[in-house]
Amino acid sequence: MHVPLVVLGGGPGGYAAAFLAADLGIPVAIIEQDERLGGTCLLRGCIPSKALLHVGRVLAEAREMEEWGIHFEKPALKLDQLRARKDKVIATLTGGLATLARRRNVQLIRGVARFTNSTTLEVAPAEPGGASQTVTFDHCILASGSRPARIPAFDIGSPRVMDSTGALELKEIPESLLVVGGGYIGLEMGTVYAELGSDVSVVELTDTLLPGADRDLVKPLQQRLEKLFDTIHLRTKVMKLEDVGKAVRVHFEGPEGPSSREFCRVLVAVGRRPNSDGLGLENTKVVVGPKGFVEVDGQQRTADPHILAIGDVCGEPMLAHRASHQGKVAVEALHGEAALFAPRAIPAVVFTDPEIAWAGLTEGDVAAQGRTVEISRYPWAASGRAHALGRTDGLTKILVDPETDTVLGVGIVGPGAGELIAEGVLAIEMGCSARDLMEAIHPHPTLGETVAFSAENYFGLATEIYRPRTEAK
């Protein structure tokens, strides 16, 4: 069969591309191995993890009510019902996507695809007993995504050793859990299991949690996790895993020398790798870099004129919203529009408690680039709304060009930071100045007004913070 446009992968980038193509009148088909659309994000990533993090946050809030004189009995966990509720969220959303695809006349082809040349895919059946088929196309948008990175030494054949996909299945709430990796996936899942009753420990090879994230933002999170988790081991390497029956014995090498400890389960969360292998890309002109990422230009075109690529498979940051925007750019480019993927800011959010979110430049970026910026920090201890919530550990900060007062970066840590960062993204994209943020009237009392207050603080004019005046800006 021949389809003018084939989208290989039904995740957030893939279905966004296919739906837009259909809306623009381009006949399109999605090839997806899973029987449902949604990809990693919806089926075994972003959505189920955030649903469980919501449950964890409710449990935490119930505990925090003790300070207000409200006592809740210890909650009883019905794991089967929790698992079913999580699966219902996924089913509702995947069902909605299937309906949207049907109404748009987007053809869905289930199977495992491989390029035989630049305009042909061989699609093997997703399950035994099915028939293979050949699909030819004028253009293909590669949206194959990524998968959890694996460390061969940790593949000991034990069901007690999980990746993030296995952790989301909630087969049990183990008495003890070791999370290998202090990145966002490990900390989010560690938070879920800790709130559900596991004694969680984290081991991270570097000297900080969330390597690469802004230290100002990580500090409040780390302080809270040190209370929530059993232990946090930094500058520590896992040397070996052993299945000893009812536990996994983990051998460490850390600042204090070698040690070992047993855990009921181990979650390996050491990043993700692009799904660029096994696709037959060697039969095309597509160029794959040393880290496995497909090389693309600003319109998501690869070196092969028939193939474009979007999302995790073509580079970092591996974020669903980046993939969706790239998918739309790719389709618009094919439609002849002057589309270009050149964002000033791609927001990143860590959905722990507190949440961490940032957009634009970070202090690490500034140091690496040798740029000069001024930084204004607004502590939530000065926020009435934060006090009302009992969450004064938050912080809002902005990075500003001192010559033009242009906002170059925004970082937030605290409850709801993922929602608040959208204003920062808009400010950076629109080239707003700190004065624009300051003079935009924000509702009171809200956490959102801390964005405006951080701009006021940049000018030394924050009402709730006293700063001796120096030279006026």
Protein backbone atom coordinates (compact mmCIF):
# COMPACT_ATOMS: atom_id res chain seq x y z
CA MET A 1 0.00 0.00 0.00
CA HIS A 2 1.08 3.60 -0.57
CA VAL A 3 0.48 6.52 1.80
CA PRO A 4 1.70 10.06 1.03
CA LEU A 5 2.78 10.60 4.65
CA VAL A 6 3.69 7.92 7.17
CA VAL A 7 4.36 8.73 10.82
CA LEU A 8 6.46 6.05 12.47
CA GLY A 9 5.45 6.10 16.13
CA GLY A 10 2.22 7.01 17.91
CA GLY A 11 3.54 9.03 20.85
CA PRO A 12 2.87 12.73 21.61
CA GLY A 13 5.02 13.86 18.71
CA GLY A 14 3.74 11.25 16.30
CA TYR A 15 0.03 11.68 16.81
CA ALA A 16 0.36 15.49 16.97
CA ALA A 17 2.07 15.39 13.57
CA ALA A 18 -0.44 12.98 12.08
CA PHE A 19 -3.48 14.89 13.33
CA LEU A 20 -2.16 18.19 11.99
CA ALA A 21 -1.37 16.59 8.64
CA ALA A 22 -4.93 15.30 8.44
CA ASP A 23 -6.29 18.72 9.36
CA LEU A 24 -4.24 20.18 6.47
CA GLY A 25 -5.63 17.63 4.03
CA ILE A 26 -2.59 15.36 3.80
CA PRO A 27 -3.45 11.62 3.70
CA VAL A 28 -1.54 10.11 6.61
CA ALA A 29 -1.01 6.84 8.43
CA ILE A 30 0.53 6.09 11.83
CA ILE A 31 2.53 2.91 12.27
CA GLU A 32 2.64 1.87 15.92
CA GLN A 33 3.65 -1.36 17.61
CA ASP A 34 1.28 -0.90 20.54
CA GLU A 35 -2.44 -1.35 20.03
CA ARG A 36 -2.99 2.08 21.61
CA LEU A 37 -1.78 5.53 20.70
CA GLY A 38 0.06 7.61 23.29
CA GLY A 39 3.59 6.24 23.28
CA THR A 40 5.81 6.11 26.33
CA CYS A 41 4.44 9.36 27.74
CA LEU A 42 0.84 8.23 28.03
CA LEU A 43 1.20 4.48 28.38
CA ARG A 44 4.20 4.05 30.69
CA GLY A 45 5.66 7.45 31.51
CA CYS A 46 4.42 10.99 32.03
CA ILE A 47 0.72 10.39 32.61
CA PRO A 48 0.70 7.32 34.88
CA SER A 49 3.60 8.67 36.93
CA LYS A 50 1.85 12.02 37.44
CA ALA A 51 -1.35 10.24 38.43
CA LEU A 52 0.58 8.36 41.12
CA LEU A 53 2.44 11.49 42.19
CA HIS A 54 -0.96 13.12 42.74
CA VAL A 55 -1.86 10.26 45.08
CA GLY A 56 1.43 10.72 46.90
CA ARG A 57 0.83 14.45 47.28
CA VAL A 58 -2.61 13.86 48.79
CA LEU A 59 -1.07 11.49 51.33
CA ALA A 60 1.58 14.09 52.18
CA GLU A 61 -1.04 16.82 52.61
CA ALA A 62 -3.00 14.60 54.98
CA ARG A 63 0.11 14.30 57.16
CA GLU A 64 0.76 18.03 56.99
CA MET A 65 -2.73 18.77 58.30
CA GLU A 66 -1.53 17.64 61.74
CA GLU A 67 0.04 21.11 62.10
CA TRP A 68 -3.44 22.60 61.62
CA GLY A 69 -4.97 20.43 64.30
CA ILE A 70 -6.63 18.03 61.87
CA HIS A 71 -5.84 14.37 62.37
CA PHE A 72 -6.40 11.64 59.80
CA GLU A 73 -6.06 7.98 60.62
CA LYS A 74 -3.29 6.14 58.77
CA PRO A 75 -4.64 5.48 55.27
CA ALA A 76 -5.29 1.92 54.13
CA LEU A 77 -3.83 1.09 50.73
CA LYS A 78 -5.89 -0.97 48.29
CA LEU A 79 -3.23 -1.61 45.70
CA ASP A 80 -5.49 -3.33 43.16
CA GLN A 81 -7.87 -0.37 43.21
CA LEU A 82 -5.01 2.12 42.92
CA ARG A 83 -3.58 0.24 39.98
CA ALA A 84 -7.00 0.06 38.33
CA ARG A 85 -7.57 3.79 38.77
CA LYS A 86 -4.21 4.55 37.16
CA ASP A 87 -5.05 2.24 34.26
CA LYS A 88 -8.43 3.93 33.86
CA VAL A 89 -6.71 7.29 33.37
CA ILE A 90 -4.59 5.76 30.62
CA ALA A 91 -7.56 4.01 29.01
CA THR A 92 -9.64 7.18 28.96
CA LEU A 93 -6.92 9.18 27.23
CA THR A 94 -5.95 6.47 24.74
CA GLY A 95 -9.61 5.98 23.90
CA GLY A 96 -9.89 9.69 23.21
CA LEU A 97 -6.90 9.57 20.87
CA ALA A 98 -8.37 6.63 18.98
CA THR A 99 -11.60 8.58 18.49
CA LEU A 100 -9.72 11.65 17.27
CA ALA A 101 -7.71 9.54 14.82
CA ARG A 102 -10.87 7.92 13.47
CA ARG A 103 -12.67 11.25 13.03
CA ARG A 104 -9.69 12.66 11.18
CA ASN A 105 -9.42 9.60 8.93
CA VAL A 106 -5.89 8.91 10.15
CA GLN A 107 -5.07 5.35 9.19
CA LEU A 108 -3.61 3.22 12.01
CA ILE A 109 -1.26 0.41 11.06
CA ARG A 110 -0.18 -1.85 13.90
CA GLY A 111 3.20 -3.50 13.58
CA VAL A 112 6.96 -3.23 13.79
CA ALA A 113 8.38 -1.22 10.90
CA ARG A 114 11.80 -1.30 9.27
CA PHE A 115 13.12 0.78 6.37
CA THR A 116 14.19 -1.19 3.32
CA ASN A 117 14.96 1.99 1.42
CA SER A 118 14.20 5.71 1.60
CA THR A 119 10.55 5.32 0.56
CA THR A 120 9.62 1.83 1.74
CA LEU A 121 8.82 0.25 5.10
CA GLU A 122 8.34 -3.43 5.80
CA VAL A 123 5.84 -3.76 8.62
CA ALA A 124 6.01 -7.01 10.57
CA PRO A 125 3.01 -8.02 12.66
CA ALA A 126 3.03 -6.84 16.27
CA GLU A 127 1.85 -10.27 17.42
CA PRO A 128 2.44 -13.82 16.14
CA GLY A 129 0.04 -14.97 13.47
CA GLY A 130 -0.38 -11.64 11.74
CA ALA A 131 0.63 -10.80 8.20
CA SER A 132 3.51 -8.57 7.13
CA GLN A 133 2.90 -5.75 4.71
CA THR A 134 4.87 -3.31 2.60
CA VAL A 135 4.15 0.39 2.95
CA THR A 136 5.54 2.95 0.52
CA PHE A 137 5.43 6.68 1.13
CA ASP A 138 6.41 10.07 -0.24
CA HIS A 139 7.56 11.24 3.19
CA CYS A 140 8.00 9.65 6.59
CA ILE A 141 8.20 11.38 9.96
CA LEU A 142 10.29 9.27 12.29
CA ALA A 143 8.86 9.54 15.81
CA SER A 144 10.18 6.34 17.35
CA GLY A 145 10.93 7.84 20.77
CA SER A 146 13.27 6.40 23.37
CA ARG A 147 13.52 3.64 25.97
CA PRO A 148 15.07 3.27 29.43
CA ALA A 149 18.84 2.99 29.30
CA ARG A 150 20.17 -0.32 30.55
CA ILE A 151 23.38 -1.18 32.33
CA PRO A 152 24.44 -4.71 31.30
CA ALA A 153 25.95 -5.44 34.71
CA PHE A 154 22.53 -4.87 36.30
CA ASP A 155 20.71 -7.31 33.99
CA ILE A 156 20.84 -10.18 36.46
CA GLY A 157 17.56 -11.75 35.37
CA SER A 158 15.78 -10.89 38.58
CA PRO A 159 12.18 -9.61 38.67
CA ARG A 160 13.23 -7.61 41.73
CA VAL A 161 15.29 -5.31 39.48
CA MET A 162 12.99 -2.89 37.62
CA ASP A 163 13.17 -0.07 35.13
CA SER A 164 10.70 2.83 35.18
CA THR A 165 8.17 0.85 33.14
CA GLY A 166 8.21 -1.97 35.67
CA ALA A 167 7.99 0.45 38.58
CA LEU A 168 4.78 1.95 37.17
CA GLU A 169 3.12 -1.46 37.09
CA LEU A 170 2.87 -1.34 40.92
CA LYS A 171 3.14 -5.10 41.35
CA GLU A 172 3.77 -4.49 45.03
CA ILE A 173 4.81 -1.80 47.48
CA PRO A 174 8.13 -3.21 48.69
CA GLU A 175 9.28 -2.75 52.25
CA SER A 176 12.53 -1.29 50.89
CA LEU A 177 13.46 0.14 47.51
CA LEU A 178 16.78 1.33 46.12
CA VAL A 179 16.62 3.85 43.28
CA VAL A 180 19.77 3.83 41.16
CA GLY A 181 20.02 7.30 39.66
CA GLY A 182 19.22 10.69 41.14
CA GLY A 183 17.65 12.15 38.01
CA TYR A 184 14.04 13.20 37.57
CA ILE A 185 12.69 9.72 36.78
CA GLY A 186 14.32 8.16 39.81
CA LEU A 187 13.25 10.94 42.18
CA GLU A 188 9.67 11.01 40.89
CA MET A 189 9.22 7.26 41.25
CA GLY A 190 11.08 7.28 44.56
CA THR A 191 8.63 9.89 45.81
CA VAL A 192 5.66 7.75 44.77
CA TYR A 193 6.92 4.63 46.51
CA ALA A 194 8.00 6.53 49.63
CA GLU A 195 4.55 8.07 50.01
CA LEU A 196 2.94 4.67 49.49
CA GLY A 197 4.99 3.19 52.32
CA SER A 198 8.37 1.98 51.04
CA ASP A 199 11.65 2.82 52.73
CA VAL A 200 13.34 4.44 49.74
CA SER A 201 17.06 4.98 49.27
CA VAL A 202 18.70 6.76 46.34
CA VAL A 203 22.21 6.31 45.02
CA GLU A 204 23.72 8.87 42.65
CA LEU A 205 27.17 8.82 41.08
CA THR A 206 27.63 12.60 41.06
CA ASP A 207 27.79 14.93 44.03
CA THR A 208 24.18 16.18 43.76
CA LEU A 209 20.67 15.12 42.95
CA LEU A 210 19.33 16.19 39.56
CA PRO A 211 22.72 16.79 37.94
CA GLY A 212 22.50 19.70 35.53
CA ALA A 213 19.59 21.38 37.29
CA ASP A 214 19.95 24.74 39.02
CA ARG A 215 21.40 24.32 42.53
CA ASP A 216 19.10 27.00 44.00
CA LEU A 217 16.14 24.94 42.86
CA VAL A 218 17.49 21.55 43.90
CA LYS A 219 18.36 22.57 47.46
CA PRO A 220 14.78 22.81 48.85
CA LEU A 221 13.88 19.53 47.13
CA GLN A 222 16.90 17.72 48.51
CA GLN A 223 16.17 18.98 52.02
CA ARG A 224 12.62 17.62 51.79
CA LEU A 225 13.69 14.31 50.27
CA GLU A 226 16.24 13.79 53.02
CA LYS A 227 13.24 13.60 55.38
CA LEU A 228 11.04 11.55 53.07
CA PHE A 229 13.66 9.02 51.93
CA ASP A 230 15.55 6.60 54.13
CA THR A 231 18.99 7.50 52.77
CA ILE A 232 20.54 9.43 49.89
CA HIS A 233 23.99 8.27 48.78
CA LEU A 234 25.89 10.81 46.66
CA ARG A 235 29.26 10.26 44.97
CA THR A 236 28.47 6.57 45.19
CA LYS A 237 28.62 3.85 42.56
CA VAL A 238 26.70 0.59 42.45
CA MET A 239 29.30 -2.05 41.74
CA LYS A 240 27.19 -5.21 41.70
CA LEU A 241 23.68 -6.58 42.18
CA GLU A 242 22.93 -10.06 43.51
CA ASP A 243 19.54 -11.75 43.78
CA VAL A 244 19.57 -13.52 47.15
CA GLY A 245 16.01 -14.81 47.09
CA LYS A 246 13.70 -12.41 48.88
CA ALA A 247 15.99 -9.43 48.31
CA VAL A 248 18.68 -7.95 46.12
CA ARG A 249 22.07 -7.47 47.69
CA VAL A 250 23.63 -4.25 46.40
CA HIS A 251 27.36 -3.59 46.60
CA PHE A 252 28.37 0.08 46.77
CA GLU A 253 31.59 2.02 46.41
CA GLY A 254 31.31 5.45 48.03
CA PRO A 255 33.28 8.16 49.83
CA GLU A 256 33.58 5.95 52.90
CA GLY A 257 34.68 2.88 50.96
CA PRO A 258 32.89 -0.31 49.90
CA SER A 259 29.64 -1.42 51.55
CA SER A 260 26.62 -3.60 50.83
CA ARG A 261 22.96 -3.69 51.76
CA GLU A 262 19.88 -5.69 50.85
CA PHE A 263 16.72 -4.22 49.32
CA CYS A 264 13.39 -5.83 48.46
CA ARG A 265 13.48 -4.19 45.03
CA VAL A 266 15.84 -2.06 42.94
CA LEU A 267 14.75 0.55 40.41
CA VAL A 268 17.36 1.36 37.78
CA ALA A 269 16.68 4.88 36.47
CA VAL A 270 19.84 6.01 34.71
CA GLY A 271 18.37 7.84 31.75
CA ARG A 272 16.97 6.97 28.34
CA ARG A 273 18.38 6.17 24.92
CA PRO A 274 16.90 6.94 21.47
CA ASN A 275 15.10 4.24 19.48
CA SER A 276 17.16 4.68 16.33
CA ASP A 277 18.63 1.18 16.15
CA GLY A 278 16.90 -1.74 14.48
CA LEU A 279 14.90 0.49 12.15
CA GLY A 280 16.92 -0.11 9.01
CA LEU A 281 18.10 3.49 8.86
CA GLU A 282 21.31 2.20 7.32
CA ASN A 283 19.21 1.54 4.20
CA THR A 284 18.45 5.26 3.93
CA LYS A 285 20.52 8.45 3.81
CA VAL A 286 19.62 9.35 7.38
CA VAL A 287 22.64 10.26 9.51
CA VAL A 288 22.76 8.90 13.05
CA GLY A 289 25.18 10.52 15.50
CA PRO A 290 27.51 8.74 17.94
CA LYS A 291 24.94 8.88 20.75
CA GLY A 292 22.25 7.33 18.58
CA PHE A 293 20.40 10.56 17.81
CA VAL A 294 19.15 11.19 14.27
CA GLU A 295 20.56 14.44 12.89
CA VAL A 296 17.98 17.00 11.72
CA ASP A 297 17.81 20.63 10.64
CA GLY A 298 15.49 23.38 11.86
CA GLN A 299 12.57 21.95 9.89
CA GLN A 300 13.19 18.45 11.30
CA ARG A 301 14.49 17.22 7.96
CA THR A 302 17.15 14.52 7.96
CA ALA A 303 19.87 14.05 5.35
CA ASP A 304 17.37 11.89 3.46
CA PRO A 305 14.90 14.14 1.57
CA HIS A 306 12.08 11.67 2.18
CA ILE A 307 12.51 11.34 5.94
CA LEU A 308 12.06 13.77 8.83
CA ALA A 309 12.55 13.04 12.54
CA ILE A 310 11.06 14.45 15.72
CA GLY A 311 11.16 13.95 19.47
CA ASP A 312 13.47 11.81 21.57
CA VAL A 313 15.02 10.08 18.59
CA CYS A 314 16.55 13.33 17.35
CA GLY A 315 18.11 14.76 20.48
CA GLU A 316 17.68 16.26 23.90
CA PRO A 317 15.85 17.40 25.90
CA MET A 318 13.71 14.27 25.71
CA LEU A 319 10.39 15.91 26.50
CA ALA A 320 6.90 15.21 25.19
CA HIS A 321 6.07 18.88 24.60
CA ARG A 322 9.24 19.32 22.55
CA ALA A 323 8.25 16.34 20.41
CA SER A 324 4.75 17.67 19.84
CA HIS A 325 6.02 21.05 18.66
CA GLN A 326 8.60 19.44 16.41
CA GLY A 327 5.90 17.24 14.91
CA LYS A 328 3.86 20.27 13.96
CA VAL A 329 6.91 22.03 12.51
CA ALA A 330 7.71 18.96 10.40
CA VAL A 331 4.19 18.80 8.96
CA GLU A 332 4.05 22.53 8.30
CA ALA A 333 7.40 22.31 6.49
CA LEU A 334 6.07 19.50 4.31
CA HIS A 335 2.97 21.59 3.65
CA GLY A 336 5.16 24.37 2.26
CA GLU A 337 4.95 26.76 5.18
CA ALA A 338 7.87 28.75 6.55
CA ALA A 339 8.09 26.64 9.69
CA LEU A 340 11.16 26.49 11.91
CA PHE A 341 11.79 24.85 15.29
CA ALA A 342 13.80 27.55 17.05
CA PRO A 343 12.34 28.07 20.54
CA ARG A 344 13.95 30.51 22.93
CA ALA A 345 12.83 28.37 25.83
CA ILE A 346 11.79 24.74 26.29
CA PRO A 347 10.41 24.33 29.81
CA ALA A 348 11.52 21.44 31.97
CA VAL A 349 9.59 20.21 35.00
CA VAL A 350 10.47 17.71 37.70
CA PHE A 351 7.19 16.62 39.30
CA THR A 352 8.58 15.82 42.71
CA ASP A 353 7.41 17.51 45.91
CA PRO A 354 8.28 20.33 45.72
CA GLU A 355 8.18 20.58 41.96
CA ILE A 356 11.11 22.10 40.09
CA ALA A 357 10.66 23.96 36.80
CA TRP A 358 12.84 26.13 34.64
CA ALA A 359 12.94 27.73 31.21
CA GLY A 360 15.56 29.62 29.25
CA LEU A 361 19.06 30.08 30.64
CA THR A 362 20.15 28.56 33.94
CA GLU A 363 23.12 29.59 36.04
CA GLY A 364 24.98 26.59 34.64
CA ASP A 365 24.31 27.77 31.09
CA VAL A 366 25.53 31.25 31.96
CA ALA A 367 28.77 29.93 33.43
CA ALA A 368 29.37 27.67 30.43
CA GLN A 369 28.74 30.49 27.96
CA GLY A 370 30.67 33.11 29.90
CA ARG A 371 27.70 35.47 29.82
CA THR A 372 27.00 38.26 32.25
CA VAL A 373 23.56 38.26 33.85
CA GLU A 374 21.95 39.56 36.99
CA ILE A 375 19.96 37.15 39.12
CA SER A 376 17.00 38.04 41.29
CA ARG A 377 15.73 35.51 43.82
CA TYR A 378 12.38 35.82 45.54
CA PRO A 379 12.00 33.45 48.51
CA TRP A 380 8.52 32.12 49.13
CA ALA A 381 9.02 32.87 52.80
CA ALA A 382 7.91 36.38 51.77
CA SER A 383 4.74 35.07 50.05
CA GLY A 384 1.45 35.19 51.93
CA ARG A 385 0.02 32.42 49.77
CA ALA A 386 2.99 30.16 50.54
CA HIS A 387 2.48 30.74 54.26
CA ALA A 388 -1.21 29.92 53.92
CA LEU A 389 -0.24 26.64 52.28
CA GLY A 390 2.49 25.92 54.80
CA ARG A 391 5.03 25.70 51.98
CA THR A 392 7.52 28.51 52.42
CA ASP A 393 10.45 26.42 51.16
CA GLY A 394 9.89 27.59 47.57
CA LEU A 395 11.83 30.06 45.46
CA THR A 396 11.29 32.01 42.24
CA LYS A 397 14.28 33.40 40.39
CA ILE A 398 14.87 35.22 37.14
CA LEU A 399 18.03 35.73 35.10
CA VAL A 400 18.17 39.13 33.44
CA ASP A 401 20.41 40.78 30.86
CA PRO A 402 21.79 43.76 32.83
CA GLU A 403 22.13 45.94 29.72
CA THR A 404 18.58 45.55 28.39
CA ASP A 405 16.71 44.15 31.41
CA THR A 406 15.51 41.34 29.12
CA VAL A 407 14.41 38.18 30.92
CA LEU A 408 16.70 35.33 29.83
CA GLY A 409 15.74 32.60 32.27
CA VAL A 410 13.18 31.70 34.93
CA GLY A 411 13.45 29.03 37.61
CA ILE A 412 10.88 27.99 40.20
CA VAL A 413 10.84 25.44 43.01
CA GLY A 414 7.71 24.84 45.05
CA PRO A 415 4.21 23.34 44.80
CA GLY A 416 2.76 23.94 41.35
CA ALA A 417 6.04 25.10 39.82
CA GLY A 418 5.19 23.17 36.66
CA GLU A 419 2.09 25.30 36.19
CA LEU A 420 3.80 28.56 37.08
CA ILE A 421 6.69 28.17 34.62
CA ALA A 422 4.40 28.81 31.62
CA GLU A 423 4.51 32.53 32.35
CA GLY A 424 8.27 32.39 32.31
CA VAL A 425 8.26 30.62 28.95
CA LEU A 426 5.97 33.28 27.48
CA ALA A 427 8.11 36.09 28.90
CA ILE A 428 11.27 34.65 27.34
CA GLU A 429 9.62 33.89 23.99
CA MET A 430 8.17 37.41 23.79
CA GLY A 431 11.45 39.07 24.79
CA CYS A 432 9.88 40.63 27.87
CA SER A 433 11.85 42.85 30.17
CA ALA A 434 11.89 42.50 33.92
CA ARG A 435 9.79 45.67 34.04
CA ASP A 436 7.14 43.97 31.88
CA LEU A 437 6.88 41.21 34.46
CA MET A 438 6.86 43.69 37.32
CA GLU A 439 4.14 45.88 35.84
CA ALA A 440 1.84 43.04 34.81
CA ILE A 441 -0.73 42.95 37.61
CA HIS A 442 -0.83 39.50 39.17
CA PRO A 443 -3.72 38.27 41.36
CA HIS A 444 -3.16 38.25 45.10
CA PRO A 445 -2.65 36.10 47.05
CA THR A 446 -1.18 33.57 44.63
CA LEU A 447 2.09 31.81 44.08
CA GLY A 448 2.09 33.20 40.55
CA GLU A 449 2.71 36.70 41.83
CA THR A 450 6.16 35.59 42.99
CA VAL A 451 7.17 35.86 39.33
CA ALA A 452 6.29 39.55 39.37
CA PHE A 453 7.85 39.98 42.80
CA SER A 454 11.13 38.49 41.58
CA ALA A 455 11.15 41.20 38.91
CA GLU A 456 10.41 43.84 41.54
CA ASN A 457 13.30 42.48 43.57
CA TYR A 458 15.56 42.85 40.53
CA PHE A 459 14.89 46.58 40.67
CA GLY A 460 15.16 46.64 44.46
CA LEU A 461 11.47 47.49 44.77
CA ALA A 462 9.93 44.31 46.22
CA THR A 463 7.35 45.29 48.84
CA GLU A 464 7.90 42.28 51.11
CA ILE A 465 11.70 42.34 50.94
CA TYR A 466 13.90 45.11 52.29
CA ARG A 467 17.02 45.68 50.28
CA PRO A 468 19.08 48.83 50.86
CA ARG A 469 18.96 50.93 47.73
CA THR A 470 22.05 51.40 45.65
CA GLU A 471 22.29 53.05 42.27
CA ALA A 472 18.90 53.09 40.55
CA LYS A 473 18.58 51.02 37.40
